[in-house]
Amino acid sequence: MPRPPRDIDQKRWRRSLVDHLEDYPRQLEALRFSARTFGPDFGLAQLADAFSSDEPELYTRVQAIERALGRLQSYMAAMAEDGTKLAGLVRRATQDREPRAQPAFEALRDAGVITKDICGRIVASQRIRNRLEHDYVKMDAEDLHEAVTQMLKLAPEFLDRFARWVEPHLVGPTPPAR
């Protein structure tokens, strides 16, 4: 039988969750803003031109959207990890070649926090994030466009469901201010 988490761990998870929940809207807005730099409808053609450009001004916009996407995905993963630990949800071990946070997202799915569809889309976006970070030369503008388009829909949906679920778990000893 696993031992219960230590108070200090629970405080750390709560503090991390509060910090991520407070900053999440700003990170989502950064992704939205970065997408708008490629036109009001986030056009694939404009993104593809910048993606393959040797012009630093254009390519820097691509890097900004990649960073905004990666940051938001990292927030979602950290929130899922900390939330499942704080709530005591059972998570399976991570398998080779899968996103590190996949078991946490699956535990949220199994607990009814997120739907099967949302879980699948999050895991797919985490895989793309890993490709962006570790296999960039094999990425193309279409992959990035699809990942950003999906995240713009998925991120608010995840936050709404997750925040409602995690709120009762945030009650406890007040974490120390930073």
C-alpha atoms as a PDB file:
ATOM      1  CA  MET A   1       0.000   0.000   0.000  1.00  0.00           C
ATOM      2  CA  PRO A   2       1.516   3.352  -0.986  1.00  0.00           C
ATOM      3  CA  ARG A   3       2.243   5.725   1.848  1.00  0.00           C
ATOM      4  CA  PRO A   4       0.255   8.971   1.957  1.00  0.00           C
ATOM      5  CA  PRO A   5       1.974  12.056   0.560  1.00  0.00           C
ATOM      6  CA  ARG A   6       3.884  14.244   2.966  1.00  0.00           C
ATOM      7  CA  ASP A   7       2.427  17.626   3.941  1.00  0.00           C
ATOM      8  CA  ILE A   8       5.353  19.387   2.316  1.00  0.00           C
ATOM      9  CA  ASP A   9       4.643  17.612  -0.995  1.00  0.00           C
ATOM     10  CA  GLN A  10       0.968  18.559  -0.829  1.00  0.00           C
ATOM     11  CA  LYS A  11       1.904  22.188  -0.164  1.00  0.00           C
ATOM     12  CA  ARG A  12       4.323  22.159  -3.113  1.00  0.00           C
ATOM     13  CA  TRP A  13       1.675  20.684  -5.446  1.00  0.00           C
ATOM     14  CA  ARG A  14      -0.904  23.221  -4.277  1.00  0.00           C
ATOM     15  CA  ARG A  15       1.491  26.138  -4.792  1.00  0.00           C
ATOM     16  CA  SER A  16       2.439  24.872  -8.243  1.00  0.00           C
ATOM     17  CA  LEU A  17      -1.215  24.442  -9.198  1.00  0.00           C
ATOM     18  CA  VAL A  18      -2.168  27.918  -7.983  1.00  0.00           C
ATOM     19  CA  ASP A  19       0.777  29.460  -9.846  1.00  0.00           C
ATOM     20  CA  HIS A  20      -0.055  27.622 -13.082  1.00  0.00           C
ATOM     21  CA  LEU A  21      -3.792  28.314 -12.836  1.00  0.00           C
ATOM     22  CA  GLU A  22      -3.168  32.027 -12.277  1.00  0.00           C
ATOM     23  CA  ASP A  23      -0.743  32.333 -15.218  1.00  0.00           C
ATOM     24  CA  TYR A  24      -2.556  29.982 -17.639  1.00  0.00           C
ATOM     25  CA  PRO A  25      -4.814  32.696 -19.148  1.00  0.00           C
ATOM     26  CA  ARG A  26      -1.755  34.838 -19.924  1.00  0.00           C
ATOM     27  CA  GLN A  27      -0.054  31.917 -21.650  1.00  0.00           C
ATOM     28  CA  LEU A  28      -3.190  31.172 -23.669  1.00  0.00           C
ATOM     29  CA  GLU A  29      -3.380  34.819 -24.723  1.00  0.00           C
ATOM     30  CA  ALA A  30       0.274  34.682 -25.794  1.00  0.00           C
ATOM     31  CA  LEU A  31      -0.585  31.765 -28.093  1.00  0.00           C
ATOM     32  CA  ARG A  32      -3.605  33.606 -29.476  1.00  0.00           C
ATOM     33  CA  PHE A  33      -1.536  36.746 -30.089  1.00  0.00           C
ATOM     34  CA  SER A  34       1.239  34.761 -31.792  1.00  0.00           C
ATOM     35  CA  ALA A  35      -1.322  33.066 -34.043  1.00  0.00           C
ATOM     36  CA  ARG A  36      -2.824  36.434 -35.019  1.00  0.00           C
ATOM     37  CA  THR A  37       0.572  37.574 -36.309  1.00  0.00           C
ATOM     38  CA  PHE A  38      -0.117  35.196 -39.198  1.00  0.00           C
ATOM     39  CA  GLY A  39      -3.419  36.861 -40.036  1.00  0.00           C
ATOM     40  CA  PRO A  40      -6.799  37.079 -38.323  1.00  0.00           C
ATOM     41  CA  ASP A  41      -7.648  33.507 -39.357  1.00  0.00           C
ATOM     42  CA  PHE A  42      -4.154  32.107 -38.588  1.00  0.00           C
ATOM     43  CA  GLY A  43      -3.463  31.300 -42.213  1.00  0.00           C
ATOM     44  CA  LEU A  44      -1.435  28.231 -43.073  1.00  0.00           C
ATOM     45  CA  ALA A  45       0.082  29.904 -46.148  1.00  0.00           C
ATOM     46  CA  GLN A  46       1.480  32.778 -44.076  1.00  0.00           C
ATOM     47  CA  LEU A  47       2.816  30.382 -41.456  1.00  0.00           C
ATOM     48  CA  ALA A  48       4.391  28.139 -44.119  1.00  0.00           C
ATOM     49  CA  ASP A  49       6.140  31.125 -45.741  1.00  0.00           C
ATOM     50  CA  ALA A  50       7.586  32.213 -42.405  1.00  0.00           C
ATOM     51  CA  PHE A  51       8.392  28.624 -41.379  1.00  0.00           C
ATOM     52  CA  SER A  52      10.672  28.136 -44.373  1.00  0.00           C
ATOM     53  CA  SER A  53      12.004  31.698 -44.493  1.00  0.00           C
ATOM     54  CA  ASP A  54      15.631  32.700 -44.016  1.00  0.00           C
ATOM     55  CA  GLU A  55      14.435  36.149 -42.945  1.00  0.00           C
ATOM     56  CA  PRO A  56      14.978  36.511 -39.192  1.00  0.00           C
ATOM     57  CA  GLU A  57      11.951  38.789 -38.798  1.00  0.00           C
ATOM     58  CA  LEU A  58       9.608  36.167 -40.242  1.00  0.00           C
ATOM     59  CA  TYR A  59      11.232  33.138 -38.642  1.00  0.00           C
ATOM     60  CA  THR A  60      11.217  34.767 -35.205  1.00  0.00           C
ATOM     61  CA  ARG A  61       7.407  34.878 -35.408  1.00  0.00           C
ATOM     62  CA  VAL A  62       7.426  31.105 -35.975  1.00  0.00           C
ATOM     63  CA  GLN A  63       9.652  30.632 -32.951  1.00  0.00           C
ATOM     64  CA  ALA A  64       7.310  32.783 -30.860  1.00  0.00           C
ATOM     65  CA  ILE A  65       4.310  30.641 -31.713  1.00  0.00           C
ATOM     66  CA  GLU A  66       6.277  27.447 -31.090  1.00  0.00           C
ATOM     67  CA  ARG A  67       7.326  28.751 -27.674  1.00  0.00           C
ATOM     68  CA  ALA A  68       3.792  29.815 -26.774  1.00  0.00           C
ATOM     69  CA  LEU A  69       2.489  26.390 -27.799  1.00  0.00           C
ATOM     70  CA  GLY A  70       5.187  24.558 -25.849  1.00  0.00           C
ATOM     71  CA  ARG A  71       4.696  26.678 -22.749  1.00  0.00           C
ATOM     72  CA  LEU A  72       0.938  26.072 -22.678  1.00  0.00           C
ATOM     73  CA  GLN A  73       1.451  22.345 -23.166  1.00  0.00           C
ATOM     74  CA  SER A  74       4.003  22.325 -20.354  1.00  0.00           C
ATOM     75  CA  TYR A  75       1.495  24.077 -18.090  1.00  0.00           C
ATOM     76  CA  MET A  76      -1.170  21.506 -18.904  1.00  0.00           C
ATOM     77  CA  ALA A  77       1.243  18.657 -18.146  1.00  0.00           C
ATOM     78  CA  ALA A  78       2.399  20.180 -14.849  1.00  0.00           C
ATOM     79  CA  MET A  79      -1.182  20.823 -13.783  1.00  0.00           C
ATOM     80  CA  ALA A  80      -2.217  17.265 -14.650  1.00  0.00           C
ATOM     81  CA  GLU A  81       0.767  15.801 -12.802  1.00  0.00           C
ATOM     82  CA  ASP A  82       0.333  17.922  -9.677  1.00  0.00           C
ATOM     83  CA  GLY A  83      -3.453  17.641  -9.662  1.00  0.00           C
ATOM     84  CA  THR A  84      -3.485  13.866  -9.899  1.00  0.00           C
ATOM     85  CA  LYS A  85      -0.867  13.567  -7.153  1.00  0.00           C
ATOM     86  CA  LEU A  86      -2.734  15.983  -4.883  1.00  0.00           C
ATOM     87  CA  ALA A  87      -6.038  14.160  -5.428  1.00  0.00           C
ATOM     88  CA  GLY A  88      -4.420  10.751  -4.964  1.00  0.00           C
ATOM     89  CA  LEU A  89      -5.485   9.483  -8.378  1.00  0.00           C
ATOM     90  CA  VAL A  90      -3.840   6.255  -9.455  1.00  0.00           C
ATOM     91  CA  ARG A  91      -1.565   6.688 -12.468  1.00  0.00           C
ATOM     92  CA  ARG A  92       0.116   3.924 -14.382  1.00  0.00           C
ATOM     93  CA  ALA A  93       3.844   4.028 -15.122  1.00  0.00           C
ATOM     94  CA  THR A  94       4.951   5.938 -18.199  1.00  0.00           C
ATOM     95  CA  GLN A  95       5.782   3.698 -21.161  1.00  0.00           C
ATOM     96  CA  ASP A  96       8.702   4.173 -23.522  1.00  0.00           C
ATOM     97  CA  ARG A  97       8.189   6.748 -26.262  1.00  0.00           C
ATOM     98  CA  GLU A  98       5.034   8.292 -24.833  1.00  0.00           C
ATOM     99  CA  PRO A  99       4.651  11.780 -23.395  1.00  0.00           C
ATOM    100  CA  ARG A 100       5.746  11.913 -19.748  1.00  0.00           C
ATOM    101  CA  ALA A 101       2.388  13.294 -18.578  1.00  0.00           C
ATOM    102  CA  GLN A 102       0.219  10.843 -20.542  1.00  0.00           C
ATOM    103  CA  PRO A 103      -0.589   8.695 -17.473  1.00  0.00           C
ATOM    104  CA  ALA A 104      -1.716  11.816 -15.590  1.00  0.00           C
ATOM    105  CA  PHE A 105      -4.025  12.864 -18.429  1.00  0.00           C
ATOM    106  CA  GLU A 106      -5.398   9.312 -18.584  1.00  0.00           C
ATOM    107  CA  ALA A 107      -6.013   9.388 -14.811  1.00  0.00           C
ATOM    108  CA  LEU A 108      -7.955  12.644 -15.265  1.00  0.00           C
ATOM    109  CA  ARG A 109      -9.946  10.944 -18.028  1.00  0.00           C
ATOM    110  CA  ASP A 110     -10.643   7.898 -15.875  1.00  0.00           C
ATOM    111  CA  ALA A 111     -11.807  10.171 -13.018  1.00  0.00           C
ATOM    112  CA  GLY A 112     -14.223  11.964 -15.373  1.00  0.00           C
ATOM    113  CA  VAL A 113     -12.364  15.282 -15.223  1.00  0.00           C
ATOM    114  CA  ILE A 114     -11.762  15.312 -18.967  1.00  0.00           C
ATOM    115  CA  THR A 115     -13.429  13.322 -21.721  1.00  0.00           C
ATOM    116  CA  LYS A 116     -11.818  10.558 -23.740  1.00  0.00           C
ATOM    117  CA  ASP A 117     -11.758  12.928 -26.723  1.00  0.00           C
ATOM    118  CA  ILE A 118     -10.036  15.716 -24.787  1.00  0.00           C
ATOM    119  CA  CYS A 119      -7.504  13.255 -23.378  1.00  0.00           C
ATOM    120  CA  GLY A 120      -6.692  11.933 -26.846  1.00  0.00           C
ATOM    121  CA  ARG A 121      -6.254  15.439 -28.255  1.00  0.00           C
ATOM    122  CA  ILE A 122      -4.025  16.473 -25.349  1.00  0.00           C
ATOM    123  CA  VAL A 123      -1.810  13.404 -25.721  1.00  0.00           C
ATOM    124  CA  ALA A 124      -1.555  14.001 -29.487  1.00  0.00           C
ATOM    125  CA  SER A 125      -0.545  17.605 -28.868  1.00  0.00           C
ATOM    126  CA  GLN A 126       2.049  16.479 -26.315  1.00  0.00           C
ATOM    127  CA  ARG A 127       3.553  14.196 -28.963  1.00  0.00           C
ATOM    128  CA  ILE A 128       3.813  17.119 -31.369  1.00  0.00           C
ATOM    129  CA  ARG A 129       5.433  19.196 -28.625  1.00  0.00           C
ATOM    130  CA  ASN A 130       8.038  16.460 -28.172  1.00  0.00           C
ATOM    131  CA  ARG A 131       8.703  16.485 -31.920  1.00  0.00           C
ATOM    132  CA  LEU A 132       9.065  20.277 -31.854  1.00  0.00           C
ATOM    133  CA  GLU A 133      11.590  20.029 -29.038  1.00  0.00           C
ATOM    134  CA  HIS A 134      13.560  16.959 -30.078  1.00  0.00           C
ATOM    135  CA  ASP A 135      13.016  16.289 -33.783  1.00  0.00           C
ATOM    136  CA  TYR A 136      12.498  19.760 -35.182  1.00  0.00           C
ATOM    137  CA  VAL A 137      14.120  19.151 -38.569  1.00  0.00           C
ATOM    138  CA  LYS A 138      11.353  16.663 -39.398  1.00  0.00           C
ATOM    139  CA  MET A 139       8.549  19.115 -38.549  1.00  0.00           C
ATOM    140  CA  ASP A 140       6.692  21.095 -41.168  1.00  0.00           C
ATOM    141  CA  ALA A 141       4.415  24.108 -41.128  1.00  0.00           C
ATOM    142  CA  GLU A 142       1.305  21.949 -41.506  1.00  0.00           C
ATOM    143  CA  ASP A 143       2.133  20.020 -38.316  1.00  0.00           C
ATOM    144  CA  LEU A 144       2.688  23.240 -36.386  1.00  0.00           C
ATOM    145  CA  HIS A 145      -0.462  24.833 -37.799  1.00  0.00           C
ATOM    146  CA  GLU A 146      -2.570  21.831 -36.829  1.00  0.00           C
ATOM    147  CA  ALA A 147      -1.063  21.700 -33.331  1.00  0.00           C
ATOM    148  CA  VAL A 148      -1.708  25.401 -32.709  1.00  0.00           C
ATOM    149  CA  THR A 149      -5.227  25.241 -34.159  1.00  0.00           C
ATOM    150  CA  GLN A 150      -6.056  22.285 -31.902  1.00  0.00           C
ATOM    151  CA  MET A 151      -4.504  23.917 -28.844  1.00  0.00           C
ATOM    152  CA  LEU A 152      -6.484  27.122 -29.360  1.00  0.00           C
ATOM    153  CA  LYS A 153      -9.652  25.024 -29.040  1.00  0.00           C
ATOM    154  CA  LEU A 154      -8.397  22.587 -26.428  1.00  0.00           C
ATOM    155  CA  ALA A 155      -6.698  24.886 -23.910  1.00  0.00           C
ATOM    156  CA  PRO A 156      -9.823  26.762 -22.733  1.00  0.00           C
ATOM    157  CA  GLU A 157     -11.803  23.517 -22.559  1.00  0.00           C
ATOM    158  CA  PHE A 158      -9.112  21.845 -20.453  1.00  0.00           C
ATOM    159  CA  LEU A 159      -8.806  24.831 -18.112  1.00  0.00           C
ATOM    160  CA  ASP A 160     -12.550  25.017 -17.519  1.00  0.00           C
ATOM    161  CA  ARG A 161     -12.891  21.344 -16.629  1.00  0.00           C
ATOM    162  CA  PHE A 162      -9.640  21.076 -14.704  1.00  0.00           C
ATOM    163  CA  ALA A 163     -10.114  24.251 -12.640  1.00  0.00           C
ATOM    164  CA  ARG A 164     -13.605  23.199 -11.524  1.00  0.00           C
ATOM    165  CA  TRP A 165     -12.324  19.763 -10.535  1.00  0.00           C
ATOM    166  CA  VAL A 166      -9.128  20.823  -8.769  1.00  0.00           C
ATOM    167  CA  GLU A 167     -10.581  23.725  -6.761  1.00  0.00           C
ATOM    168  CA  PRO A 168     -11.704  21.604  -3.778  1.00  0.00           C
ATOM    169  CA  HIS A 169      -8.263  19.956  -3.688  1.00  0.00           C
ATOM    170  CA  LEU A 170      -6.575  23.331  -3.309  1.00  0.00           C
ATOM    171  CA  VAL A 171      -8.102  23.799   0.140  1.00  0.00           C
ATOM    172  CA  GLY A 172      -5.618  22.941   2.825  1.00  0.00           C
ATOM    173  CA  PRO A 173      -2.700  24.501   4.585  1.00  0.00           C
ATOM    174  CA  THR A 174      -1.893  27.756   2.847  1.00  0.00           C
ATOM    175  CA  PRO A 175       1.348  27.432   0.915  1.00  0.00           C
ATOM    176  CA  PRO A 176       3.964  29.988   1.918  1.00  0.00           C
ATOM    177  CA  ALA A 177       4.186  33.090  -0.253  1.00  0.00           C
ATOM    178  CA  ARG A 178       7.152  33.240  -2.552  1.00  0.00           C
END
